[in-house]
N, C-alpha and C. Protein backbone atom coordinates (compact mmCIF):
# COMPACT_ATOMS: atom_id res chain seq x y z
N MET A 1 3.75 11.38 12.14
CA MET A 1 5.04 10.71 12.06
C MET A 1 5.07 9.09 12.64
N ILE A 2 5.23 8.08 11.85
CA ILE A 2 5.19 7.03 12.46
C ILE A 2 6.67 6.23 13.26
N ALA A 3 6.57 5.96 14.50
CA ALA A 3 7.71 5.75 15.31
C ALA A 3 7.77 4.31 15.57
N LEU A 4 8.87 3.73 15.25
CA LEU A 4 9.03 2.01 15.54
C LEU A 4 10.07 2.01 16.47
N SER A 5 9.82 1.36 17.72
CA SER A 5 10.78 1.16 18.67
C SER A 5 10.61 -0.17 19.15
N GLY A 6 12.19 -0.68 19.18
CA GLY A 6 12.35 -2.33 19.15
C GLY A 6 11.33 -3.07 18.98
N VAL A 7 10.73 -3.06 17.67
CA VAL A 7 9.81 -3.66 17.20
C VAL A 7 10.34 -5.31 16.84
N GLU A 8 9.82 -6.26 17.27
CA GLU A 8 9.94 -7.67 16.92
C GLU A 8 8.52 -8.28 16.14
N LEU A 9 8.93 -8.98 15.26
CA LEU A 9 7.89 -9.64 14.71
C LEU A 9 7.98 -11.34 14.46
N ARG A 10 7.14 -12.16 14.63
CA ARG A 10 7.33 -13.42 14.76
C ARG A 10 6.39 -14.26 13.71
N HIS A 11 6.47 -15.06 13.15
CA HIS A 11 5.50 -16.18 12.50
C HIS A 11 5.65 -17.28 13.34
N GLY A 12 4.75 -17.74 14.17
CA GLY A 12 4.93 -18.96 15.19
C GLY A 12 5.71 -18.76 16.12
N GLU A 13 7.04 -19.53 16.13
CA GLU A 13 8.04 -19.71 16.75
C GLU A 13 9.12 -18.96 16.25
N ARG A 14 9.05 -18.78 14.70
CA ARG A 14 10.43 -18.00 14.12
C ARG A 14 10.30 -16.32 14.09
N VAL A 15 11.53 -16.00 14.51
CA VAL A 15 11.52 -14.28 14.54
C VAL A 15 11.99 -14.11 13.27
N ILE A 16 11.01 -13.04 12.82
CA ILE A 16 11.18 -12.65 11.21
C ILE A 16 11.70 -11.11 11.46
N LEU A 17 11.98 -10.55 12.40
CA LEU A 17 12.35 -9.13 12.52
C LEU A 17 12.53 -8.65 13.92
N SER A 18 13.62 -8.00 14.31
CA SER A 18 13.95 -8.25 15.57
C SER A 18 14.57 -6.79 15.74
N GLY A 19 14.47 -5.85 16.78
CA GLY A 19 14.88 -4.76 17.53
C GLY A 19 14.81 -3.57 16.14
N LEU A 20 13.84 -3.31 15.53
CA LEU A 20 13.50 -2.40 14.69
C LEU A 20 13.09 -1.24 15.21
N SER A 21 14.01 -0.05 15.26
CA SER A 21 13.85 1.44 15.59
C SER A 21 13.69 2.20 14.63
N GLY A 22 13.15 3.32 14.50
CA GLY A 22 13.36 4.54 13.62
C GLY A 22 11.99 5.21 13.40
N GLN A 23 11.93 6.26 12.48
CA GLN A 23 10.74 6.80 12.17
C GLN A 23 10.70 7.11 10.65
N ILE A 24 9.00 7.22 10.31
CA ILE A 24 8.87 7.42 8.87
C ILE A 24 8.04 9.17 8.98
N GLU A 25 8.57 9.80 8.55
CA GLU A 25 7.90 11.04 9.01
C GLU A 25 6.60 11.38 7.92
N THR A 26 5.67 12.13 8.45
CA THR A 26 4.46 12.42 7.58
C THR A 26 4.80 12.99 6.40
N GLY A 27 4.15 12.29 5.33
CA GLY A 27 4.07 12.76 4.19
C GLY A 27 5.36 12.12 3.35
N SER A 28 5.95 11.15 3.79
CA SER A 28 7.18 10.85 3.13
C SER A 28 6.66 9.84 2.07
N LEU A 29 7.58 9.34 1.37
CA LEU A 29 7.44 8.34 0.36
C LEU A 29 8.72 7.25 0.55
N THR A 30 8.49 6.15 1.17
CA THR A 30 9.35 5.38 1.68
C THR A 30 9.13 3.90 0.99
N ALA A 31 10.20 3.24 0.36
CA ALA A 31 10.37 1.94 0.05
C ALA A 31 10.97 1.01 0.97
N LEU A 32 10.27 -0.25 0.91
CA LEU A 32 10.53 -1.31 2.12
C LEU A 32 10.92 -2.50 1.16
N VAL A 33 12.43 -2.81 1.35
CA VAL A 33 12.97 -3.44 0.32
C VAL A 33 13.67 -4.64 1.35
N GLY A 34 14.44 -5.65 0.62
CA GLY A 34 14.98 -6.85 1.29
C GLY A 34 14.38 -8.08 0.87
N ALA A 35 15.62 -9.10 1.02
CA ALA A 35 15.05 -10.47 0.18
C ALA A 35 13.64 -11.27 0.91
N ASN A 36 13.27 -12.03 0.10
CA ASN A 36 12.28 -12.73 0.36
C ASN A 36 12.13 -13.57 1.77
N GLY A 37 11.07 -13.44 2.63
CA GLY A 37 11.01 -13.91 3.93
C GLY A 37 11.77 -12.96 5.04
N SER A 38 12.46 -11.69 4.77
CA SER A 38 12.95 -10.81 5.71
C SER A 38 11.82 -9.83 6.49
N GLY A 39 10.35 -10.16 6.19
CA GLY A 39 9.41 -9.52 7.00
C GLY A 39 8.65 -8.17 6.37
N LYS A 40 9.05 -8.12 5.26
CA LYS A 40 8.49 -6.78 4.67
C LYS A 40 6.94 -6.54 4.73
N THR A 41 6.44 -7.82 4.20
CA THR A 41 4.76 -7.80 4.16
C THR A 41 4.29 -7.64 5.67
N THR A 42 5.03 -8.49 6.49
CA THR A 42 4.74 -8.85 7.88
C THR A 42 4.73 -7.39 8.37
N LEU A 43 5.76 -6.53 8.46
CA LEU A 43 6.00 -5.29 8.99
C LEU A 43 4.79 -4.37 8.35
N LEU A 44 4.53 -4.35 7.12
CA LEU A 44 3.27 -3.83 6.58
C LEU A 44 2.19 -3.79 7.45
N ARG A 45 1.95 -5.07 7.59
CA ARG A 45 0.63 -5.68 8.22
C ARG A 45 0.70 -5.22 9.58
N ALA A 46 1.76 -5.26 10.43
CA ALA A 46 2.24 -4.96 11.69
C ALA A 46 1.53 -3.18 11.86
N ILE A 47 2.07 -2.33 10.66
CA ILE A 47 1.77 -0.94 10.88
C ILE A 47 0.26 -0.94 10.75
N ALA A 48 -0.38 -1.65 9.76
CA ALA A 48 -1.55 -1.49 9.55
C ALA A 48 -2.59 -2.11 10.97
N GLY A 49 -2.05 -2.68 11.81
CA GLY A 49 -2.73 -3.30 12.87
C GLY A 49 -3.39 -4.61 12.83
N LEU A 50 -2.71 -5.23 11.71
CA LEU A 50 -2.96 -6.64 11.39
C LEU A 50 -2.26 -7.76 11.64
N HIS A 51 -1.31 -7.38 12.31
CA HIS A 51 -0.26 -8.77 12.85
C HIS A 51 0.35 -8.13 14.27
N PRO A 52 0.11 -8.92 15.33
CA PRO A 52 0.78 -8.48 16.50
C PRO A 52 1.98 -8.37 16.75
N LEU A 53 2.49 -7.56 17.37
CA LEU A 53 3.93 -7.58 17.99
C LEU A 53 4.27 -8.33 18.93
N THR A 54 5.53 -8.94 18.69
CA THR A 54 6.37 -9.63 19.50
C THR A 54 6.51 -9.03 21.04
N SER A 55 7.32 -7.77 20.55
CA SER A 55 7.55 -7.05 21.53
C SER A 55 7.76 -5.49 20.89
N GLY A 56 8.12 -4.69 21.49
CA GLY A 56 8.35 -3.21 21.29
C GLY A 56 7.01 -2.41 20.73
N ARG A 57 7.10 -1.45 19.84
CA ARG A 57 5.81 -0.39 19.76
C ARG A 57 5.86 0.36 18.68
N ILE A 58 4.60 0.47 18.02
CA ILE A 58 4.50 1.46 17.02
C ILE A 58 3.63 2.33 17.14
N ASP A 59 4.12 3.66 17.12
CA ASP A 59 3.12 4.68 17.38
C ASP A 59 2.96 5.09 16.03
N LEU A 60 1.67 5.07 15.78
CA LEU A 60 0.85 6.05 14.49
C LEU A 60 0.61 7.37 14.67
N GLY A 61 1.00 7.98 15.75
CA GLY A 61 1.02 9.48 15.53
C GLY A 61 -0.38 9.75 15.68
N GLY A 62 -1.45 9.57 16.20
CA GLY A 62 -2.80 9.50 16.03
C GLY A 62 -3.47 8.82 15.11
N LEU A 63 -2.94 8.37 14.41
CA LEU A 63 -3.48 7.95 13.34
C LEU A 63 -4.72 6.53 13.82
N VAL A 64 -5.94 6.35 13.37
CA VAL A 64 -6.67 5.11 13.59
C VAL A 64 -7.02 4.51 12.26
N ALA A 65 -7.95 3.51 12.62
CA ALA A 65 -7.79 2.61 11.35
C ALA A 65 -8.43 3.00 10.37
N ALA A 66 -9.55 4.27 10.40
CA ALA A 66 -9.99 4.49 9.01
C ALA A 66 -9.09 5.45 8.38
N ASP A 67 -7.81 5.74 8.90
CA ASP A 67 -7.07 6.69 8.32
C ASP A 67 -6.03 6.02 7.46
N ILE A 68 -5.78 4.58 7.50
CA ILE A 68 -5.08 3.94 6.80
C ILE A 68 -5.52 2.97 5.84
N ALA A 69 -4.77 2.88 4.38
CA ALA A 69 -5.52 2.10 3.63
C ALA A 69 -4.22 1.10 3.27
N LEU A 70 -4.56 -0.15 3.22
CA LEU A 70 -3.64 -1.42 2.89
C LEU A 70 -3.89 -1.91 1.55
N LEU A 71 -3.19 -1.98 0.73
CA LEU A 71 -3.41 -2.56 -0.75
C LEU A 71 -2.53 -3.62 -0.61
N ALA A 72 -3.07 -4.56 -0.57
CA ALA A 72 -2.50 -6.21 -0.45
C ALA A 72 -1.98 -6.82 -1.70
N GLN A 73 -0.95 -7.68 -1.83
CA GLN A 73 -0.66 -8.26 -3.12
C GLN A 73 -2.01 -8.76 -3.85
N GLY A 74 -2.29 -8.40 -4.98
CA GLY A 74 -3.42 -8.76 -5.82
C GLY A 74 -3.49 -10.20 -6.19
N SER A 75 -2.26 -10.94 -6.24
CA SER A 75 -2.27 -12.53 -6.50
C SER A 75 -2.80 -13.17 -5.27
N HIS A 76 -2.85 -12.59 -4.20
CA HIS A 76 -3.28 -13.30 -2.85
C HIS A 76 -4.95 -13.07 -2.58
N LEU A 77 -5.26 -12.56 -3.81
CA LEU A 77 -6.88 -12.22 -3.16
C LEU A 77 -7.76 -13.24 -3.99
N ASP A 78 -8.93 -13.48 -3.65
CA ASP A 78 -9.64 -14.08 -4.21
C ASP A 78 -10.90 -13.27 -4.96
N ARG A 79 -10.70 -13.77 -5.95
CA ARG A 79 -11.36 -13.27 -7.21
C ARG A 79 -12.90 -14.09 -7.79
N SER A 80 -12.88 -14.91 -6.93
CA SER A 80 -14.36 -15.65 -7.50
C SER A 80 -15.85 -15.09 -7.09
N PHE A 81 -15.70 -14.12 -6.21
CA PHE A 81 -16.96 -13.76 -5.96
C PHE A 81 -17.40 -12.77 -7.05
N PRO A 82 -18.76 -13.10 -7.31
CA PRO A 82 -18.99 -12.20 -8.29
C PRO A 82 -19.59 -10.72 -8.14
N ILE A 83 -18.65 -10.02 -8.39
CA ILE A 83 -18.69 -8.63 -8.35
C ILE A 83 -18.06 -7.63 -9.22
N THR A 84 -18.21 -6.60 -9.43
CA THR A 84 -17.87 -5.72 -10.76
C THR A 84 -16.66 -4.81 -10.11
N CYS A 85 -16.13 -4.13 -10.87
CA CYS A 85 -15.13 -3.30 -10.67
C CYS A 85 -15.68 -1.91 -9.84
N SER A 86 -16.84 -1.89 -10.49
CA SER A 86 -17.43 -0.59 -9.50
C SER A 86 -17.77 -1.00 -8.08
N ASP A 87 -18.07 -2.02 -7.95
CA ASP A 87 -18.49 -2.54 -6.54
C ASP A 87 -17.27 -2.78 -5.66
N VAL A 88 -16.09 -3.32 -6.36
CA VAL A 88 -14.92 -3.31 -5.36
C VAL A 88 -14.71 -2.14 -4.92
N VAL A 89 -14.60 -1.04 -5.88
CA VAL A 89 -14.00 0.53 -5.55
C VAL A 89 -15.11 1.29 -4.67
N ALA A 90 -16.23 0.99 -4.91
CA ALA A 90 -17.60 1.93 -3.91
C ALA A 90 -17.47 1.16 -2.61
N LEU A 91 -17.31 -0.15 -2.32
CA LEU A 91 -17.53 -0.63 -0.92
C LEU A 91 -16.06 -0.38 -0.10
N ALA A 92 -15.05 0.15 -0.56
CA ALA A 92 -13.62 0.48 0.04
C ALA A 92 -13.82 0.95 1.45
N SER A 93 -15.12 1.92 1.86
CA SER A 93 -15.18 2.51 3.04
C SER A 93 -15.53 1.69 3.96
N THR A 94 -14.67 1.85 5.10
CA THR A 94 -14.94 1.23 6.22
C THR A 94 -16.02 1.38 7.07
N ARG A 95 -16.48 2.73 6.78
CA ARG A 95 -17.96 3.50 7.31
C ARG A 95 -18.99 2.99 6.68
N LEU A 96 -19.11 1.96 5.70
CA LEU A 96 -20.33 1.36 5.21
C LEU A 96 -20.75 0.06 5.67
N GLY A 97 -22.21 0.22 6.38
CA GLY A 97 -22.49 -1.16 6.90
C GLY A 97 -22.86 -2.15 5.63
N PRO A 98 -23.66 -3.20 6.32
CA PRO A 98 -23.72 -4.09 5.16
C PRO A 98 -25.11 -3.88 4.45
N PHE A 99 -25.87 -3.08 5.37
CA PHE A 99 -27.09 -2.83 4.44
C PHE A 99 -27.49 -1.19 4.46
N ARG A 100 -26.29 -0.45 4.24
CA ARG A 100 -26.43 0.96 3.81
C ARG A 100 -26.13 1.18 2.17
N SER A 101 -26.86 2.01 1.74
CA SER A 101 -26.73 2.24 0.34
C SER A 101 -25.52 3.11 0.12
N ILE A 102 -25.07 2.96 -1.03
CA ILE A 102 -23.99 3.62 -1.62
C ILE A 102 -24.30 5.14 -2.18
N GLY A 103 -24.14 6.10 -1.51
CA GLY A 103 -24.44 7.57 -1.94
C GLY A 103 -23.97 8.03 -3.28
N LYS A 104 -24.63 8.88 -3.62
CA LYS A 104 -24.57 9.55 -4.87
C LYS A 104 -22.65 10.04 -5.01
N ASP A 105 -22.40 10.75 -3.72
CA ASP A 105 -21.15 11.41 -3.68
C ASP A 105 -20.12 9.90 -3.81
N ARG A 106 -20.41 8.63 -3.15
CA ARG A 106 -19.31 7.61 -3.56
C ARG A 106 -19.30 7.27 -4.70
N LEU A 107 -20.69 7.39 -5.61
CA LEU A 107 -20.58 6.61 -6.84
C LEU A 107 -20.16 7.59 -7.68
N ALA A 108 -19.97 8.80 -7.71
CA ALA A 108 -19.09 9.65 -8.01
C ALA A 108 -17.51 9.58 -7.98
N ALA A 109 -17.07 9.60 -6.91
CA ALA A 109 -15.92 9.24 -6.52
C ALA A 109 -15.32 7.83 -7.06
N THR A 110 -16.06 6.88 -7.07
CA THR A 110 -15.64 5.58 -7.71
C THR A 110 -15.64 5.82 -9.01
N LYS A 111 -16.34 6.44 -9.95
CA LYS A 111 -16.27 7.04 -11.15
C LYS A 111 -14.80 7.33 -11.51
N ALA A 112 -14.53 8.28 -10.84
CA ALA A 112 -13.68 9.47 -11.16
C ALA A 112 -12.14 8.55 -10.82
N ALA A 113 -12.27 7.60 -9.73
CA ALA A 113 -11.20 6.73 -9.44
C ALA A 113 -10.84 5.74 -10.37
N LEU A 114 -11.71 5.11 -11.04
CA LEU A 114 -11.51 4.09 -12.19
C LEU A 114 -11.08 4.69 -13.34
N ALA A 115 -11.43 6.15 -13.49
CA ALA A 115 -11.09 6.78 -14.70
C ALA A 115 -9.69 7.10 -14.18
N ARG A 116 -9.21 7.80 -13.14
CA ARG A 116 -7.92 7.70 -13.01
C ARG A 116 -6.98 6.90 -13.38
N VAL A 117 -7.49 5.65 -13.24
CA VAL A 117 -6.47 4.55 -13.34
C VAL A 117 -6.68 3.51 -15.09
N GLY A 118 -7.53 4.48 -15.89
CA GLY A 118 -7.92 4.06 -16.95
C GLY A 118 -8.90 3.00 -17.32
N LEU A 119 -9.65 2.64 -16.32
CA LEU A 119 -10.63 1.89 -16.25
C LEU A 119 -12.12 2.46 -16.24
N ALA A 120 -12.33 3.51 -16.89
CA ALA A 120 -13.38 4.26 -17.13
C ALA A 120 -14.52 3.32 -17.81
N GLU A 121 -14.05 2.45 -18.84
CA GLU A 121 -15.13 1.69 -19.51
C GLU A 121 -15.48 0.24 -18.76
N MET A 122 -14.82 -0.05 -17.47
CA MET A 122 -14.96 -1.27 -17.27
C MET A 122 -15.59 -1.11 -15.81
N GLU A 123 -16.68 -0.42 -15.33
CA GLU A 123 -17.15 -0.37 -14.27
C GLU A 123 -17.94 -1.65 -14.02
N SER A 124 -18.61 -1.95 -14.90
CA SER A 124 -19.94 -3.12 -14.85
C SER A 124 -18.94 -4.50 -15.11
N ARG A 125 -17.80 -4.44 -15.22
CA ARG A 125 -17.00 -5.68 -15.64
C ARG A 125 -16.93 -6.21 -14.29
N PRO A 126 -17.16 -7.72 -14.39
CA PRO A 126 -16.62 -8.64 -13.31
C PRO A 126 -15.28 -8.69 -13.37
N ILE A 127 -14.89 -8.77 -11.83
CA ILE A 127 -13.24 -8.89 -11.48
C ILE A 127 -12.80 -9.91 -12.26
N GLN A 128 -13.58 -11.22 -12.40
CA GLN A 128 -12.92 -12.37 -12.79
C GLN A 128 -12.58 -12.27 -14.10
N ALA A 129 -13.01 -11.20 -14.95
CA ALA A 129 -12.86 -11.05 -16.41
C ALA A 129 -11.56 -10.31 -16.36
N LEU A 130 -10.91 -9.68 -15.69
CA LEU A 130 -9.91 -8.84 -15.81
C LEU A 130 -8.71 -9.50 -15.80
N SER A 131 -7.52 -9.04 -16.60
CA SER A 131 -6.13 -9.32 -16.41
C SER A 131 -5.74 -8.92 -15.00
N ALA A 132 -4.36 -9.39 -14.72
CA ALA A 132 -3.71 -9.27 -13.36
C ALA A 132 -3.46 -7.64 -13.52
N GLY A 133 -3.20 -7.10 -14.30
CA GLY A 133 -2.74 -5.52 -14.54
C GLY A 133 -4.07 -4.79 -14.41
N GLN A 134 -5.35 -4.90 -14.75
CA GLN A 134 -6.57 -4.52 -14.75
C GLN A 134 -7.04 -4.52 -13.39
N PHE A 135 -6.68 -5.66 -12.96
CA PHE A 135 -7.13 -5.74 -11.53
C PHE A 135 -6.57 -5.29 -10.28
N GLN A 136 -5.00 -5.04 -10.73
CA GLN A 136 -3.96 -3.85 -9.74
C GLN A 136 -4.76 -2.58 -9.91
N ARG A 137 -5.25 -1.85 -11.07
CA ARG A 137 -5.80 -0.82 -11.39
C ARG A 137 -6.94 -0.71 -10.20
N VAL A 138 -7.69 -1.43 -10.26
CA VAL A 138 -9.19 -1.50 -9.62
C VAL A 138 -8.60 -1.39 -8.23
N LEU A 139 -7.41 -2.06 -7.91
CA LEU A 139 -7.10 -1.92 -6.73
C LEU A 139 -6.55 -0.47 -5.88
N PHE A 140 -5.60 0.07 -6.93
CA PHE A 140 -5.54 1.51 -6.78
C PHE A 140 -6.65 2.34 -6.71
N ALA A 141 -7.46 2.05 -7.68
CA ALA A 141 -8.91 3.14 -7.54
C ALA A 141 -9.59 2.89 -6.33
N ARG A 142 -9.60 1.76 -5.77
CA ARG A 142 -10.45 1.50 -4.20
C ARG A 142 -9.67 2.34 -3.35
N THR A 143 -8.11 2.17 -3.43
CA THR A 143 -7.28 2.62 -2.46
C THR A 143 -7.40 4.60 -2.66
N ILE A 144 -7.73 5.10 -3.88
CA ILE A 144 -8.13 6.55 -4.00
C ILE A 144 -9.35 6.69 -3.33
N VAL A 145 -10.07 5.89 -3.30
CA VAL A 145 -11.70 6.35 -2.55
C VAL A 145 -11.20 6.12 -1.14
N GLN A 146 -10.39 5.35 -0.81
CA GLN A 146 -10.38 5.21 0.64
C GLN A 146 -9.91 6.40 1.08
N ASP A 147 -9.25 7.56 0.45
CA ASP A 147 -8.73 8.79 1.04
C ASP A 147 -7.96 8.67 2.36
N ALA A 148 -7.00 7.86 2.46
CA ALA A 148 -6.29 7.56 3.72
C ALA A 148 -5.14 8.55 3.84
N HIS A 149 -4.92 8.86 5.18
CA HIS A 149 -3.55 9.65 5.45
C HIS A 149 -2.16 8.71 4.99
N LEU A 150 -2.41 7.40 5.45
CA LEU A 150 -1.17 6.60 5.61
C LEU A 150 -1.76 5.58 4.44
N ILE A 151 -0.93 5.69 3.44
CA ILE A 151 -1.03 4.39 2.47
C ILE A 151 0.03 3.58 2.34
N LEU A 152 -0.26 2.17 2.53
CA LEU A 152 0.65 0.86 2.56
C LEU A 152 0.40 -0.17 1.36
N LEU A 153 1.42 -0.40 0.51
CA LEU A 153 1.22 -1.05 -0.72
C LEU A 153 2.13 -2.12 -0.74
N ASP A 154 1.74 -3.53 -0.93
CA ASP A 154 2.24 -4.25 -0.77
C ASP A 154 2.66 -4.80 -2.33
N GLU A 155 3.62 -4.85 -2.82
CA GLU A 155 4.22 -5.24 -4.05
C GLU A 155 3.20 -4.94 -5.27
N PRO A 156 3.14 -3.40 -5.17
CA PRO A 156 1.81 -2.91 -6.24
C PRO A 156 2.11 -3.19 -7.56
N PHE A 157 3.47 -3.32 -8.42
CA PHE A 157 3.90 -3.60 -9.49
C PHE A 157 3.72 -4.84 -9.92
N THR A 158 3.49 -5.85 -9.08
CA THR A 158 3.90 -7.19 -9.41
C THR A 158 2.87 -7.95 -10.64
N ALA A 159 3.65 -8.31 -11.47
CA ALA A 159 2.49 -8.85 -12.77
C ALA A 159 1.92 -7.89 -13.55
N VAL A 160 2.51 -6.84 -13.26
CA VAL A 160 1.79 -5.46 -14.31
C VAL A 160 2.83 -5.34 -15.35
N ASP A 161 2.40 -4.51 -16.62
CA ASP A 161 3.33 -4.14 -17.62
C ASP A 161 3.87 -2.90 -17.45
N ALA A 162 4.82 -2.16 -18.17
CA ALA A 162 5.53 -1.11 -18.10
C ALA A 162 4.65 0.15 -18.21
N VAL A 163 3.56 0.22 -19.10
CA VAL A 163 2.73 1.09 -18.92
C VAL A 163 1.84 1.14 -17.88
N THR A 164 1.61 0.08 -17.11
CA THR A 164 0.32 0.14 -16.16
C THR A 164 1.59 0.56 -14.88
N THR A 165 2.59 -0.04 -14.99
CA THR A 165 3.41 0.70 -13.87
C THR A 165 3.72 1.98 -13.77
N ARG A 166 3.94 2.55 -15.01
CA ARG A 166 4.15 4.23 -15.19
C ARG A 166 2.78 4.82 -14.67
N LEU A 167 1.68 4.61 -14.95
CA LEU A 167 0.36 4.89 -14.74
C LEU A 167 0.10 4.63 -13.11
N LEU A 168 0.45 3.94 -12.55
CA LEU A 168 0.32 3.65 -10.90
C LEU A 168 1.26 4.17 -10.11
N LEU A 169 2.72 4.51 -10.76
CA LEU A 169 3.58 5.23 -10.14
C LEU A 169 3.02 6.80 -10.22
N SER A 170 2.41 7.50 -11.20
CA SER A 170 2.00 8.68 -11.41
C SER A 170 0.67 8.97 -10.32
N VAL A 171 0.21 7.73 -9.96
CA VAL A 171 -0.89 7.75 -8.63
C VAL A 171 -0.24 7.92 -7.14
N ILE A 172 0.90 7.31 -7.21
CA ILE A 172 1.71 7.24 -5.91
C ILE A 172 2.28 8.62 -5.53
N GLU A 173 2.63 9.23 -6.74
CA GLU A 173 3.34 10.66 -6.73
C GLU A 173 2.37 11.72 -6.61
N GLU A 174 1.04 11.30 -6.67
CA GLU A 174 -0.15 12.34 -6.51
C GLU A 174 -0.35 12.36 -4.92
N TRP A 175 -0.23 11.14 -4.28
CA TRP A 175 -0.19 10.93 -3.16
C TRP A 175 0.56 11.60 -2.39
N HIS A 176 1.93 11.75 -2.77
CA HIS A 176 3.19 12.11 -2.28
C HIS A 176 3.00 13.56 -2.31
N ALA A 177 2.49 14.07 -3.53
CA ALA A 177 2.35 15.68 -3.56
C ALA A 177 1.29 15.96 -2.58
N GLN A 178 0.42 15.42 -2.33
CA GLN A 178 -1.09 15.85 -1.34
C GLN A 178 -0.53 15.72 0.10
N GLY A 179 0.71 15.11 0.37
CA GLY A 179 1.31 15.08 1.93
C GLY A 179 0.68 13.96 2.48
N ARG A 180 0.39 12.90 1.89
CA ARG A 180 0.21 11.68 2.42
C ARG A 180 1.15 10.83 2.58
N THR A 181 1.35 9.68 3.68
CA THR A 181 2.80 8.88 3.63
C THR A 181 2.35 7.83 3.27
N VAL A 182 3.27 7.29 2.44
CA VAL A 182 3.11 6.14 1.53
C VAL A 182 4.63 5.41 1.97
N ILE A 183 4.29 4.14 1.91
CA ILE A 183 5.06 2.73 2.29
C ILE A 183 4.60 1.75 1.33
N ALA A 184 5.47 1.32 0.60
CA ALA A 184 5.64 0.42 -0.58
C ALA A 184 6.69 -0.80 -0.33
N VAL A 185 6.16 -2.01 -0.06
CA VAL A 185 7.11 -3.10 -0.40
C VAL A 185 7.59 -3.20 -1.70
N LEU A 186 8.80 -3.22 -2.26
CA LEU A 186 9.26 -3.47 -3.49
C LEU A 186 10.45 -4.35 -3.66
N HIS A 187 10.45 -4.65 -5.20
CA HIS A 187 11.73 -5.48 -5.33
C HIS A 187 12.65 -5.01 -6.44
N ASP A 188 12.20 -3.96 -7.28
CA ASP A 188 12.95 -3.49 -8.34
C ASP A 188 13.86 -2.18 -7.69
N ILE A 189 15.14 -2.53 -7.36
CA ILE A 189 15.79 -1.69 -6.97
C ILE A 189 16.07 -0.38 -7.77
N GLU A 190 16.14 -0.61 -9.28
CA GLU A 190 16.37 0.58 -9.61
C GLU A 190 14.95 1.74 -9.79
N LEU A 191 13.82 1.05 -9.76
CA LEU A 191 12.81 1.90 -9.64
C LEU A 191 12.73 2.44 -8.40
N VAL A 192 13.01 1.62 -7.45
CA VAL A 192 13.11 2.44 -6.02
C VAL A 192 14.07 3.49 -5.96
N ARG A 193 15.36 3.40 -6.75
CA ARG A 193 16.21 4.59 -6.64
C ARG A 193 15.82 5.92 -7.46
N ARG A 194 14.76 5.71 -8.35
CA ARG A 194 14.22 6.68 -9.27
C ARG A 194 13.34 7.38 -8.76
N HIS A 195 12.36 6.72 -7.92
CA HIS A 195 11.14 7.28 -7.68
C HIS A 195 10.90 7.42 -6.00
N PHE A 196 11.94 6.59 -5.25
CA PHE A 196 11.26 6.79 -3.85
C PHE A 196 12.76 7.31 -3.02
N PRO A 197 12.45 8.60 -2.44
CA PRO A 197 13.24 9.21 -1.81
C PRO A 197 13.90 8.40 -0.36
N HIS A 198 13.11 7.75 0.01
CA HIS A 198 13.75 6.94 1.40
C HIS A 198 13.33 5.34 1.16
N THR A 199 14.42 4.73 1.89
CA THR A 199 14.31 3.33 1.80
C THR A 199 14.35 2.62 3.23
N LEU A 200 13.90 1.79 3.35
CA LEU A 200 14.00 0.89 4.59
C LEU A 200 14.73 -0.49 4.18
N LEU A 201 15.69 -0.78 4.37
CA LEU A 201 16.34 -2.14 3.83
C LEU A 201 16.24 -3.09 5.05
N LEU A 202 15.42 -4.36 4.57
CA LEU A 202 15.33 -5.33 5.91
C LEU A 202 16.46 -6.68 5.21
N THR A 203 17.41 -7.20 6.21
CA THR A 203 18.28 -8.00 5.79
C THR A 203 18.51 -8.98 7.13
N ASP A 204 18.05 -10.26 7.30
CA ASP A 204 18.68 -11.25 8.29
C ASP A 204 18.21 -10.66 9.81
N GLN A 205 16.96 -10.24 9.88
CA GLN A 205 16.55 -9.80 11.01
C GLN A 205 17.03 -8.07 11.69
N SER A 206 17.50 -7.86 10.55
CA SER A 206 18.25 -6.45 10.88
C SER A 206 17.62 -5.19 9.95
N ALA A 207 17.82 -4.17 10.13
CA ALA A 207 17.39 -3.02 9.26
C ALA A 207 18.29 -1.93 8.94
N SER A 208 18.05 -1.57 7.77
CA SER A 208 18.93 -0.40 7.64
C SER A 208 18.15 0.86 6.90
N TRP A 209 17.95 2.10 7.37
CA TRP A 209 17.29 3.44 7.11
C TRP A 209 18.13 3.85 6.03
N ASP A 210 17.27 4.14 4.59
CA ASP A 210 17.78 5.06 3.61
C ASP A 210 19.19 4.37 3.12
N ALA A 211 19.25 2.99 3.03
CA ALA A 211 20.14 2.18 2.90
C ALA A 211 20.41 2.26 1.19
N LEU A 212 19.57 2.94 0.39
CA LEU A 212 20.01 3.04 -1.16
C LEU A 212 19.89 4.54 -1.34
N PRO A 213 20.66 5.22 -1.39
CA PRO A 213 20.88 6.43 -1.30
C PRO A 213 20.16 6.67 -3.05
N ASN A 214 19.66 7.70 -3.07
CA ASN A 214 18.43 8.51 -4.25
C ASN A 214 19.25 9.84 -4.54
N PRO A 215 20.67 10.12 -5.23
CA PRO A 215 21.03 11.34 -5.14
C PRO A 215 20.42 12.12 -6.14
N GLY A 216 19.68 11.65 -7.19
CA GLY A 216 18.97 12.42 -8.13
C GLY A 216 17.50 12.82 -7.35
N LEU A 217 17.15 12.52 -6.19
CA LEU A 217 15.75 12.84 -5.89
C LEU A 217 15.94 13.58 -4.22
N GLN A 218 15.08 14.57 -4.05
CA GLN A 218 15.04 15.51 -3.03
C GLN A 218 14.13 14.68 -1.89
N ALA A 219 14.61 14.44 -1.05
CA ALA A 219 14.01 13.96 0.53
C ALA A 219 12.87 14.76 0.69
N ALA A 220 11.97 13.67 1.00
CA ALA A 220 10.40 14.21 1.34
C ALA A 220 10.66 14.93 2.79
C-alpha cells in the first residue's frame, strides 16, 4: 500500500499541491486526473522519488527504486540519440551497468515485449523513424521488461490513435490482473470512467479520492 500523509509539493516558490493524504492499495488501478497545472505529473514524480516533498510523507510500503517503473510523457523525451527500438527496451533495467552485455534472457524478454505491443518487425528500426504512436508502444514495451511492482504512467495515450489506445489499455489491464499497482495521469474522463476503478482528482491545491464514480466497474 502507498500511503500519502500531508504531502505538499512546490515548483520554486509556488505551491502546486498541499495537504494531500490518502492510500493507494496494492494491486489497484488508479487514474490521476485534474486540470493542467494541478500537480499530476509532479505527484507522479514525487511517488517515484524524483521530486522532493516540501512537507509530508510518502510511504511506499517497502518498495525500492528497482520496484518502480515510470513511463514519462513521450513528447518530452529526446529521440535524437541513434538507438534502435530493441536497444531502448533492452536497456530498461536499472541493474545493467554501462559495460555489461545484455544476456539472452533479456533479449528474449525484449522481443516478447515488442511483439506484445505490435512492433515485432521493428526491433532494428531507429527511434527517430517512429511515429508518436509507435514510440509510445516502445515505451510500453520498455515498461513491460522492467517487470515493476508499481507502474506510473504519465499521459500514456497522448498523440496515439484509437487502435493504439485499445492495445495499450489491454497491456494496462494485464498489469492490473497480475496484481501490479498502476497509477496513470489521464485527461479523457470517459476513458477513466470505463477502465479505471479508482480516481484521484486534483483541483486548486486540493484533492478528492474516487471523485469519478465508476458504477460499471468492480473496485480493485
